[in-house]
Amino acid sequence: MALYVNTNVSSLNAQRQLMNSGNSLDTSFKRLSSGMRINSAADDAAGLQISDRLTSQINGLNQGNRNANDGISLAQTAEGALDEVTAMFQRMRTLSQQAANGSNTDEDRLAIQDEIRSLSSEVNRVAADTTFGGQNLLDGTYSANFQVGADAVQNISFSMET
């Protein structure tokens, strides 16, 4: 008994072409839906490597921008507290000049001294309570570095040490 195998070469070629067209259509849809020229290393290996490197650099710059904004916020917090302290010191100076006036009574001078003590206590309170991120800014020991660029060497130092 003989065994016969019949194949339709034209049908196989058409089937293969249909598969290739389907795969190409699938790839085109992926590119269109993502909006990117390169979706995988198969599209452009060198381009993907460059794209990944630039994406990493952009991410580093974005984080550096956020770090710089944190540094600005920290400096603004310290500046606000120092503005308050400066106003208190200016008031203390004015009170000292007022106390030096010969027309004041002892009672006037005691009232002035009480206000100066109160202002001095308030200066100490502001210095003790001015914090950023849980760290005291005005205790004379604060120091920090902020990485503001994509690379580790791009940083800004901030110090409020005595």
Protein backbone atom coordinates (compact mmCIF):
# COMPACT_ATOMS: atom_id res chain seq x y z
CA MET A 1 0.00 0.00 0.00
CA ALA A 2 1.33 3.38 -0.96
CA LEU A 3 1.22 6.51 1.15
CA TYR A 4 0.56 9.79 -0.61
CA VAL A 5 1.20 13.22 0.90
CA ASN A 6 -0.41 16.13 -0.85
CA THR A 7 0.66 19.67 -0.04
CA ASN A 8 -0.59 22.89 -1.42
CA VAL A 9 2.52 25.07 -1.65
CA SER A 10 0.53 28.12 -2.69
CA SER A 11 -1.67 27.78 0.38
CA LEU A 12 1.36 27.46 2.68
CA ASN A 13 2.96 30.56 1.14
CA ALA A 14 -0.27 32.53 1.53
CA GLN A 15 -0.54 31.40 5.15
CA ARG A 16 3.06 32.44 5.86
CA GLN A 17 2.52 35.84 4.22
CA LEU A 18 -0.66 36.32 6.26
CA MET A 19 1.27 35.59 9.49
CA ASN A 20 4.01 38.05 8.50
CA SER A 21 1.44 40.72 7.67
CA GLY A 22 -0.30 40.12 11.00
CA ASN A 23 2.99 40.45 12.90
CA SER A 24 3.88 43.65 11.03
CA LEU A 25 0.43 45.05 11.73
CA ASP A 26 0.82 44.14 15.42
CA THR A 27 4.18 45.95 15.58
CA SER A 28 2.72 49.01 13.85
CA PHE A 29 -0.19 49.12 16.30
CA LYS A 30 2.22 48.91 19.24
CA ARG A 31 4.26 51.81 17.86
CA LEU A 32 1.18 53.89 17.14
CA SER A 33 -0.43 53.26 20.51
CA SER A 34 2.72 54.09 22.49
CA GLY A 35 3.63 57.12 20.40
CA MET A 36 7.28 56.11 20.58
CA ARG A 37 9.58 55.33 17.70
CA ILE A 38 11.43 52.69 19.72
CA ASN A 39 9.45 50.22 21.81
CA SER A 40 12.03 47.49 22.21
CA ALA A 41 15.64 46.68 21.40
CA ALA A 42 14.44 44.90 18.26
CA ASP A 43 13.33 48.25 16.82
CA ASP A 44 16.68 50.04 17.30
CA ALA A 45 19.14 48.68 19.88
CA ALA A 46 21.52 51.67 19.79
CA GLY A 47 18.64 54.13 19.83
CA LEU A 48 17.09 52.35 22.80
CA GLN A 49 20.38 52.53 24.73
CA ILE A 50 20.68 56.26 24.03
CA SER A 51 17.03 56.78 24.94
CA ASP A 52 17.46 54.91 28.24
CA ARG A 53 20.58 56.93 29.10
CA LEU A 54 18.81 60.22 28.37
CA THR A 55 15.74 59.10 30.32
CA SER A 56 17.99 58.36 33.31
CA GLN A 57 19.58 61.79 33.01
CA ILE A 58 16.15 63.46 32.81
CA ASN A 59 15.01 61.56 35.91
CA GLY A 60 18.17 62.69 37.72
CA LEU A 61 17.58 66.31 36.71
CA ASN A 62 13.94 66.14 37.83
CA GLN A 63 15.02 64.80 41.23
CA GLY A 64 17.72 67.47 41.41
CA ASN A 65 15.04 70.08 40.78
CA ARG A 66 12.93 68.68 43.63
CA ASN A 67 16.01 68.64 45.89
CA ALA A 68 16.76 72.27 45.00
CA ASN A 69 13.17 73.21 45.82
CA ASP A 70 13.53 71.49 49.20
CA GLY A 71 16.70 73.52 49.80
CA ILE A 72 14.87 76.72 48.88
CA SER A 73 12.03 75.84 51.26
CA LEU A 74 14.55 75.17 54.02
CA ALA A 75 16.28 78.51 53.43
CA GLN A 76 12.93 80.32 53.39
CA THR A 77 11.97 78.71 56.70
CA ALA A 78 15.25 79.82 58.27
CA GLU A 79 14.92 83.28 56.74
CA GLY A 80 11.41 83.73 58.14
CA ALA A 81 12.59 82.80 61.63
CA LEU A 82 15.63 85.06 61.36
CA ASP A 83 13.41 87.95 60.23
CA GLU A 84 11.34 87.48 63.38
CA VAL A 85 14.46 87.36 65.57
CA THR A 86 15.87 90.47 63.88
CA ALA A 87 12.65 92.38 64.58
CA MET A 88 12.87 91.30 68.24
CA PHE A 89 16.51 92.44 68.50
CA GLN A 90 15.62 95.77 66.95
CA ARG A 91 12.83 96.21 69.50
CA MET A 92 15.28 95.32 72.30
CA ARG A 93 17.70 97.97 71.01
CA THR A 94 14.93 100.56 70.91
CA LEU A 95 13.91 99.64 74.45
CA SER A 96 17.52 99.94 75.63
CA GLN A 97 17.76 103.42 74.17
CA GLN A 98 14.44 104.31 75.76
CA ALA A 99 15.66 103.06 79.15
CA ALA A 100 18.71 105.34 78.89
CA ASN A 101 16.42 108.37 78.88
CA GLY A 102 16.89 110.32 82.08
CA SER A 103 13.18 111.10 82.43
CA ASN A 104 12.24 107.45 83.14
CA THR A 105 11.39 106.37 86.66
CA ASP A 106 12.67 103.18 88.22
CA GLU A 107 9.25 101.66 87.60
CA ASP A 108 9.50 102.56 83.88
CA ARG A 109 12.92 100.96 83.67
CA LEU A 110 11.65 97.77 85.35
CA ALA A 111 8.80 97.55 82.84
CA ILE A 112 11.28 98.00 80.00
CA GLN A 113 13.55 95.33 81.50
CA ASP A 114 10.60 92.92 81.76
CA GLU A 115 9.79 93.44 78.08
CA ILE A 116 13.44 92.87 77.14
CA ARG A 117 13.47 89.61 79.15
CA SER A 118 10.26 88.55 77.43
CA LEU A 119 11.74 89.30 74.00
CA SER A 120 14.92 87.43 74.91
CA SER A 121 12.87 84.37 75.90
CA GLU A 122 10.96 84.62 72.62
CA VAL A 123 14.24 84.73 70.65
CA ASN A 124 15.35 81.52 72.41
CA ARG A 125 11.97 79.89 71.72
CA VAL A 126 12.11 80.75 68.01
CA ALA A 127 15.66 79.38 67.79
CA ALA A 128 14.63 76.15 69.53
CA ASP A 129 11.39 75.65 67.56
CA THR A 130 12.53 76.46 64.01
CA THR A 131 12.74 73.08 62.32
CA PHE A 132 12.62 71.68 58.80
CA GLY A 133 12.11 67.99 58.24
CA GLY A 134 12.41 67.38 61.98
CA GLN A 135 15.85 69.01 62.20
CA ASN A 136 16.52 72.20 64.13
CA LEU A 137 17.81 74.93 61.84
CA LEU A 138 18.89 77.59 64.33
CA ASP A 139 20.68 75.62 67.03
CA GLY A 140 24.08 76.36 65.47
CA THR A 141 24.78 72.83 64.21
CA TYR A 142 22.70 72.49 61.03
CA SER A 143 24.53 71.59 57.84
CA ALA A 144 23.27 69.83 54.69
CA ASN A 145 24.15 69.07 51.06
CA PHE A 146 21.54 69.15 48.32
CA GLN A 147 22.22 67.26 45.08
CA VAL A 148 20.77 69.59 42.46
CA GLY A 149 21.99 68.00 39.22
CA ALA A 150 21.93 64.69 37.43
CA ASP A 151 25.39 63.79 38.76
CA ALA A 152 26.53 63.27 42.35
CA VAL A 153 29.09 66.09 42.13
CA GLN A 154 26.44 68.70 41.35
CA ASN A 155 25.45 69.73 44.85
CA ILE A 156 24.95 72.79 47.02
CA SER A 157 26.07 72.96 50.63
CA PHE A 158 23.99 74.81 53.21
CA SER A 159 25.31 75.49 56.69
CA MET A 160 23.98 77.39 59.70
CA GLU A 161 26.82 76.51 62.07
CA THR A 162 28.19 78.87 64.68
